[in-house]
Amino acid sequence: MNHQERKAAFIRLGEVLGAISKNPQESDWAAAFNQAEAQNRWFTQENMALALRGIAFMLQADKLDKWLSAYSDIPEKGDKRVGLIMAGNIPLVGFHDLLCVLISGNTAVVKLSSQDEILPKKLVEALVDISPELASQIELSDGKLTGFTHVIATGSDNSARYFEYYFGKYPNIIRKNRNAIAIINGDESLDELRALGKDIFRYFGLGCRNVSKVYLSDKMEPKTFLATLEDWKPIGNHNKYFNNYEYHKAIFLVEKMAHLDNGFLLLREDASLGCPVGVLHYQTFGTLDQMKAEVKIHADKIQCVVASDKLGFEHSVPFGKAQSPELWDYADGVDTMAFLLG
């Protein structure tokens, strides 16, 4: 297969997944959805369907054409066997890496996360049904990862140390903890601030592109900002989410830690970029120049910046779009395709 044929297979996959995402329980994915939800209670039916829609969004023909036009000499068959160590924090989070390996003509030797085993297997099954030739490029490993020449591993800061120890001698991409931030200048519309709720709460805040910290201009009161998130109150009906919220609320009360509480989210002033489920950190800033300096300081820990275009932050993402990355929005800013073709 050449890369045009592989591209056609992925375009078709996007069409299939887009159709399934509209009503998964009426499709042949119903059993996979139910099993995945039973295995991992963070994987709700809604969030799994959202993941399928996100992949379908990526796999549109014009987007694939634009993405691949940046790379020349994509081989008909690559010679790399790429060990993919996938995360399991949100459904199908490792899809983009799999896409890059396959469309570049290389072989994916995949180690699935125990938190997300069922959906990737179902997706590979769907892809091979569309293009049986791709079966020879995909190996799903149930045990120790072996027989690879390159490695792409995604995990936490702790697991990254393990990955670097074991895989450091191979050409690799090793990803660590990252978070998204949002910058509120005080001039945003109510619709923009409400849209930010998607960036905070989708996937319960467990993704690296979820906003875990907001920077508020001194023109914006924290209480006023918190009130714009009321549309997301139903998230408190999810048992695991609400347990996390209540646990951290109890800690804040016992330790007399200042915070704001709207009944389903705790807003706390904190310098840390990362925050627990059920908590959102914030800090205030005076000028945009100060804020831009802050972003530079933490650049290696920020996955994306959610802000209005008019604020002038490089590669900023519109409100509500953090969980809708484009194909060229590489994790950690590392060009996976360039790595695979190099």
Protein backbone atom coordinates (compact mmCIF):
# COMPACT_ATOMS: atom_id res chain seq x y z
CA MET A 1 0.00 0.00 0.00
CA ASN A 2 1.14 3.52 -0.70
CA HIS A 3 0.26 6.37 1.62
CA GLN A 4 -2.61 7.50 -0.64
CA GLU A 5 -4.26 4.10 -0.20
CA ARG A 6 -3.65 4.22 3.52
CA LYS A 7 -5.09 7.73 3.62
CA ALA A 8 -8.22 6.52 1.82
CA ALA A 9 -8.64 3.78 4.43
CA PHE A 10 -8.50 6.31 7.25
CA ILE A 11 -10.95 8.62 5.52
CA ARG A 12 -13.38 5.74 5.37
CA LEU A 13 -12.68 4.91 9.03
CA GLY A 14 -13.59 8.49 9.93
CA GLU A 15 -16.88 8.17 8.10
CA VAL A 16 -17.66 4.91 9.88
CA LEU A 17 -16.78 6.22 13.33
CA GLY A 18 -18.69 9.45 12.77
CA ALA A 19 -21.84 7.48 11.95
CA ILE A 20 -21.38 5.15 14.93
CA SER A 21 -20.85 8.06 17.34
CA LYS A 22 -24.39 9.30 16.69
CA ASN A 23 -25.94 6.21 18.26
CA PRO A 24 -23.34 3.68 19.45
CA GLN A 25 -25.89 1.47 21.18
CA GLU A 26 -27.57 0.80 17.84
CA SER A 27 -24.29 -0.29 16.23
CA ASP A 28 -21.87 -3.19 16.43
CA TRP A 29 -19.85 -1.07 18.88
CA ALA A 30 -22.51 -1.42 21.60
CA ALA A 31 -20.83 -4.37 23.32
CA ALA A 32 -17.43 -2.67 23.22
CA PHE A 33 -18.89 0.49 24.76
CA ASN A 34 -20.58 -1.48 27.52
CA GLN A 35 -17.47 -3.54 28.30
CA ALA A 36 -15.22 -0.47 28.30
CA GLU A 37 -17.58 1.37 30.66
CA ALA A 38 -17.68 -1.62 33.01
CA GLN A 39 -13.87 -1.80 32.97
CA ASN A 40 -13.30 1.92 33.51
CA ARG A 41 -16.10 3.98 35.05
CA TRP A 42 -14.56 7.22 33.77
CA PHE A 43 -15.43 6.00 30.27
CA THR A 44 -19.05 7.03 30.08
CA GLN A 45 -21.15 6.38 26.98
CA GLU A 46 -21.11 10.11 26.26
CA ASN A 47 -17.33 10.44 26.54
CA MET A 48 -16.66 7.38 24.37
CA ALA A 49 -18.98 8.74 21.67
CA LEU A 50 -17.19 12.09 22.00
CA ALA A 51 -13.85 10.35 21.39
CA LEU A 52 -15.20 8.75 18.21
CA ARG A 53 -16.46 12.13 16.99
CA GLY A 54 -13.05 13.62 17.69
CA ILE A 55 -11.35 10.98 15.55
CA ALA A 56 -13.93 11.43 12.77
CA PHE A 57 -13.22 15.20 12.94
CA MET A 58 -9.52 14.50 12.34
CA LEU A 59 -10.03 12.04 9.50
CA GLN A 60 -11.73 14.34 7.02
CA ALA A 61 -10.15 14.23 3.56
CA ASP A 62 -9.24 17.92 3.45
CA LYS A 63 -7.60 17.76 6.88
CA LEU A 64 -5.56 14.70 5.97
CA ASP A 65 -4.47 16.35 2.72
CA LYS A 66 -3.38 19.51 4.52
CA TRP A 67 -1.54 17.54 7.20
CA LEU A 68 0.31 15.19 4.85
CA SER A 69 1.23 17.96 2.40
CA ALA A 70 3.91 19.04 4.88
CA TYR A 71 5.82 15.80 4.40
CA SER A 72 7.59 14.60 1.26
CA ASP A 73 8.71 11.10 0.33
CA ILE A 74 6.32 9.13 2.50
CA PRO A 75 7.37 5.57 1.67
CA GLU A 76 5.11 2.80 0.42
CA LYS A 77 6.55 0.67 3.17
CA GLY A 78 8.63 1.94 6.07
CA ASP A 79 11.28 -0.08 7.86
CA LYS A 80 10.56 1.01 11.43
CA ARG A 81 8.83 -1.12 14.07
CA VAL A 82 7.48 1.44 16.48
CA GLY A 83 6.64 0.44 20.02
CA LEU A 84 3.57 2.42 21.07
CA ILE A 85 2.99 2.55 24.81
CA MET A 86 -0.44 4.08 25.08
CA ALA A 87 -2.01 5.97 27.95
CA GLY A 88 -5.53 5.24 29.20
CA ASN A 89 -6.61 8.48 30.82
CA ILE A 90 -9.31 9.19 28.21
CA PRO A 91 -10.89 6.93 25.55
CA LEU A 92 -8.71 6.17 22.50
CA VAL A 93 -6.15 8.76 23.53
CA GLY A 94 -3.40 6.93 21.62
CA PHE A 95 -5.15 7.03 18.24
CA HIS A 96 -3.06 9.84 16.75
CA ASP A 97 0.18 7.95 17.37
CA LEU A 98 -1.27 4.85 15.73
CA LEU A 99 -2.40 6.93 12.74
CA CYS A 100 1.07 8.45 12.34
CA VAL A 101 2.82 5.08 12.44
CA LEU A 102 0.48 3.42 9.97
CA ILE A 103 0.12 6.24 7.47
CA SER A 104 3.91 6.64 7.38
CA GLY A 105 4.13 3.01 6.27
CA ASN A 106 5.69 1.71 9.46
CA THR A 107 4.61 -1.10 11.78
CA ALA A 108 2.92 -0.37 15.12
CA VAL A 109 3.80 -2.70 17.99
CA VAL A 110 1.17 -1.59 20.48
CA LYS A 111 1.11 -1.96 24.25
CA LEU A 112 -2.38 -0.95 25.37
CA SER A 113 -3.17 0.60 28.72
CA SER A 114 -5.07 -1.66 31.11
CA GLN A 115 -7.50 1.26 31.46
CA ASP A 116 -8.28 1.36 27.74
CA GLU A 117 -7.95 -2.05 26.11
CA ILE A 118 -11.35 -2.66 24.55
CA LEU A 119 -11.93 0.40 22.36
CA PRO A 120 -8.51 0.37 20.61
CA LYS A 121 -8.98 -3.31 19.74
CA LYS A 122 -12.42 -2.54 18.31
CA LEU A 123 -11.00 0.37 16.32
CA VAL A 124 -8.21 -1.78 14.86
CA GLU A 125 -10.83 -4.38 13.94
CA ALA A 126 -12.86 -1.71 12.13
CA LEU A 127 -9.77 -0.42 10.31
CA VAL A 128 -8.71 -3.89 9.17
CA ASP A 129 -12.24 -4.57 7.94
CA ILE A 130 -11.88 -1.49 5.73
CA SER A 131 -8.32 -2.28 4.63
CA PRO A 132 -7.15 -5.87 5.32
CA GLU A 133 -3.67 -4.95 4.05
CA LEU A 134 -3.11 -2.84 7.16
CA ALA A 135 -3.31 -5.92 9.39
CA SER A 136 0.36 -6.66 8.67
CA GLN A 137 1.31 -3.23 10.08
CA ILE A 138 -0.40 -3.68 13.47
CA GLU A 139 0.71 -5.93 16.32
CA LEU A 140 -1.13 -5.75 19.64
CA SER A 141 1.08 -6.94 22.50
CA ASP A 142 -0.47 -8.52 25.59
CA GLY A 143 2.83 -8.94 27.39
CA LYS A 144 6.30 -7.44 27.31
CA LEU A 145 6.96 -5.14 24.36
CA THR A 146 9.57 -6.73 22.07
CA GLY A 147 10.84 -6.52 18.51
CA PHE A 148 10.73 -2.74 18.12
CA THR A 149 13.25 -0.29 16.69
CA HIS A 150 11.68 2.98 17.88
CA VAL A 151 9.45 3.93 20.83
CA ILE A 152 6.64 6.42 21.43
CA ALA A 153 5.56 6.30 25.07
CA THR A 154 2.98 8.42 26.85
CA GLY A 155 2.53 8.57 30.60
CA SER A 156 3.09 10.55 33.78
CA ASP A 157 6.30 12.17 34.99
CA ASN A 158 6.91 9.05 37.10
CA SER A 159 6.35 6.58 34.28
CA ALA A 160 8.52 8.72 31.98
CA ARG A 161 11.52 7.99 34.21
CA TYR A 162 10.81 4.29 33.79
CA PHE A 163 10.44 4.70 30.02
CA GLU A 164 13.70 6.65 29.77
CA TYR A 165 15.54 3.94 31.72
CA TYR A 166 14.30 1.08 29.57
CA PHE A 167 13.93 2.75 26.18
CA GLY A 168 16.52 5.51 26.26
CA LYS A 169 18.86 3.62 23.93
CA TYR A 170 16.22 3.57 21.16
CA PRO A 171 15.11 6.55 19.07
CA ASN A 172 12.11 7.72 21.07
CA ILE A 173 9.43 10.21 21.94
CA ILE A 174 8.66 10.06 25.66
CA ARG A 175 5.85 12.27 26.89
CA LYS A 176 5.31 13.48 30.45
CA ASN A 177 2.57 15.29 32.34
CA ARG A 178 1.14 18.33 30.61
CA ASN A 179 -1.94 20.47 31.17
CA ALA A 180 -3.91 23.11 29.34
CA ILE A 181 -4.43 26.60 30.71
CA ALA A 182 -7.00 29.28 29.93
CA ILE A 183 -6.45 33.02 29.95
CA ILE A 184 -9.41 35.25 30.79
CA ASN A 185 -8.83 38.92 30.04
CA GLY A 186 -12.24 40.09 31.24
CA ASP A 187 -13.48 41.12 27.80
CA GLU A 188 -14.79 37.69 26.79
CA SER A 189 -18.43 37.15 25.97
CA LEU A 190 -20.65 35.03 28.19
CA ASP A 191 -20.86 32.47 25.38
CA GLU A 192 -17.05 32.18 25.31
CA LEU A 193 -16.85 31.67 29.06
CA ARG A 194 -19.60 29.05 28.95
CA ALA A 195 -17.76 27.28 26.11
CA LEU A 196 -14.70 27.09 28.36
CA GLY A 197 -16.67 24.59 30.43
CA LYS A 198 -16.10 22.04 27.65
CA ASP A 199 -12.36 22.49 28.00
CA ILE A 200 -12.53 22.04 31.76
CA PHE A 201 -15.10 19.27 32.22
CA ARG A 202 -15.05 17.04 29.14
CA TYR A 203 -13.56 13.65 30.03
CA PHE A 204 -13.89 14.83 33.66
CA GLY A 205 -10.72 16.89 33.26
CA LEU A 206 -8.53 13.81 32.88
CA GLY A 207 -6.96 14.68 29.51
CA CYS A 208 -3.70 16.54 28.93
CA ARG A 209 -5.68 19.07 26.86
CA ASN A 210 -8.18 19.72 29.66
CA VAL A 211 -7.88 23.14 31.25
CA SER A 212 -6.66 22.61 34.80
CA LYS A 213 -5.81 26.22 35.55
CA VAL A 214 -7.30 29.57 34.59
CA TYR A 215 -5.48 32.88 34.70
CA LEU A 216 -7.92 35.66 35.51
CA SER A 217 -7.34 39.31 34.73
CA ASP A 218 -7.80 41.55 37.72
CA LYS A 219 -10.89 42.79 35.84
CA MET A 220 -12.56 39.40 36.44
CA GLU A 221 -13.78 38.36 39.89
CA PRO A 222 -13.24 34.63 40.64
CA LYS A 223 -16.85 34.36 41.86
CA THR A 224 -18.12 35.86 38.62
CA PHE A 225 -16.05 33.42 36.60
CA LEU A 226 -17.23 30.43 38.63
CA ALA A 227 -20.86 31.41 38.04
CA THR A 228 -20.37 31.05 34.25
CA LEU A 229 -19.83 27.28 34.69
CA GLU A 230 -23.27 26.51 36.14
CA ASP A 231 -24.35 24.68 32.96
CA TRP A 232 -22.02 21.83 33.99
CA LYS A 233 -23.76 21.11 37.29
CA PRO A 234 -25.00 17.67 36.05
CA ILE A 235 -21.39 16.43 36.08
CA GLY A 236 -21.86 16.09 39.83
CA ASN A 237 -24.23 13.19 39.14
CA HIS A 238 -21.27 11.02 38.15
CA ASN A 239 -20.29 8.98 41.19
CA LYS A 240 -16.52 8.90 40.71
CA TYR A 241 -16.33 12.59 39.86
CA PHE A 242 -18.47 13.63 42.82
CA ASN A 243 -16.47 11.42 45.20
CA ASN A 244 -13.32 13.28 44.14
CA TYR A 245 -15.03 16.63 44.56
CA GLU A 246 -16.25 15.76 48.08
CA TYR A 247 -12.89 14.32 49.12
CA HIS A 248 -10.99 17.48 48.22
CA LYS A 249 -13.73 19.67 49.66
CA ALA A 250 -13.31 17.88 52.99
CA ILE A 251 -9.54 18.43 52.89
CA PHE A 252 -9.96 22.12 52.11
CA LEU A 253 -12.42 22.56 54.97
CA VAL A 254 -10.39 20.61 57.54
CA GLU A 255 -7.15 22.37 56.58
CA LYS A 256 -8.96 25.73 56.35
CA MET A 257 -7.69 26.25 52.81
CA ALA A 258 -9.36 29.18 51.05
CA HIS A 259 -11.50 28.18 48.08
CA LEU A 260 -14.76 28.86 46.26
CA ASP A 261 -17.39 26.16 45.88
CA ASN A 262 -20.36 26.01 43.48
CA GLY A 263 -21.56 22.56 44.53
CA PHE A 264 -19.66 20.55 41.93
CA LEU A 265 -16.34 22.37 41.44
CA LEU A 266 -13.79 23.79 43.87
CA LEU A 267 -11.97 26.91 42.63
CA ARG A 268 -8.72 27.47 44.48
CA GLU A 269 -5.94 29.99 44.05
CA ASP A 270 -2.79 27.94 43.49
CA ALA A 271 0.45 28.30 41.52
CA SER A 272 0.37 24.67 40.31
CA LEU A 273 -0.71 23.97 36.74
CA GLY A 274 -2.13 20.54 37.53
CA CYS A 275 -5.08 19.95 39.79
CA PRO A 276 -7.12 16.99 41.07
CA VAL A 277 -10.47 15.95 39.61
CA GLY A 278 -13.19 18.22 40.99
CA VAL A 279 -10.77 21.12 41.53
CA LEU A 280 -9.73 24.00 39.27
CA HIS A 281 -6.74 26.22 40.04
CA TYR A 282 -6.58 29.90 39.27
CA GLN A 283 -4.25 32.88 39.54
CA THR A 284 -4.78 36.53 38.73
CA PHE A 285 -2.61 38.66 36.46
CA GLY A 286 -2.24 42.36 35.76
CA THR A 287 -1.01 42.81 32.19
CA LEU A 288 -0.84 40.61 29.10
CA ASP A 289 2.93 41.06 29.01
CA GLN A 290 3.11 39.52 32.49
CA MET A 291 0.90 36.70 31.32
CA LYS A 292 3.01 36.01 28.24
CA ALA A 293 6.11 35.82 30.43
CA GLU A 294 4.28 33.33 32.67
CA VAL A 295 3.42 31.13 29.69
CA LYS A 296 7.08 31.11 28.60
CA ILE A 297 8.22 30.05 32.06
CA HIS A 298 5.89 27.03 32.04
CA ALA A 299 6.06 26.24 28.31
CA ASP A 300 7.38 22.70 28.85
CA LYS A 301 4.39 21.87 31.06
CA ILE A 302 1.62 23.45 28.96
CA GLN A 303 -0.12 21.35 26.31
CA CYS A 304 -2.22 24.19 24.91
CA VAL A 305 -3.42 27.69 25.76
CA VAL A 306 -7.13 28.47 25.55
CA ALA A 307 -7.65 32.17 24.90
CA SER A 308 -9.20 34.69 22.56
CA ASP A 309 -7.23 35.17 19.33
CA LYS A 310 -7.10 38.91 19.90
CA LEU A 311 -4.89 38.45 22.97
CA GLY A 312 -2.02 37.41 20.71
CA PHE A 313 -0.89 34.18 22.36
CA GLU A 314 0.94 31.93 19.91
CA HIS A 315 -1.01 28.85 18.79
CA SER A 316 -3.89 29.64 21.14
CA VAL A 317 -7.04 27.52 20.98
CA PRO A 318 -10.54 29.07 20.88
CA PHE A 319 -12.81 28.55 23.88
CA GLY A 320 -14.50 25.15 23.76
CA LYS A 321 -12.01 23.66 21.26
CA ALA A 322 -9.24 22.27 23.46
CA GLN A 323 -10.59 18.73 23.05
CA SER A 324 -10.87 19.06 19.26
CA PRO A 325 -7.21 19.05 18.19
CA GLU A 326 -6.20 19.13 14.54
CA LEU A 327 -3.92 16.49 13.07
CA TRP A 328 -0.98 18.90 13.21
CA ASP A 329 -1.54 19.74 16.89
CA TYR A 330 1.15 17.35 18.10
CA ALA A 331 1.30 16.37 21.75
CA ASP A 332 4.11 18.21 23.58
CA GLY A 333 4.81 20.08 20.32
CA VAL A 334 6.91 17.18 18.99
CA ASP A 335 6.28 16.38 15.30
CA THR A 336 5.56 12.66 15.38
CA MET A 337 5.52 12.33 11.59
CA ALA A 338 8.93 14.00 11.24
CA PHE A 339 10.27 11.57 13.86
CA LEU A 340 8.87 8.59 11.95
CA LEU A 341 10.06 9.77 8.55
CA GLY A 342 13.48 10.93 9.74
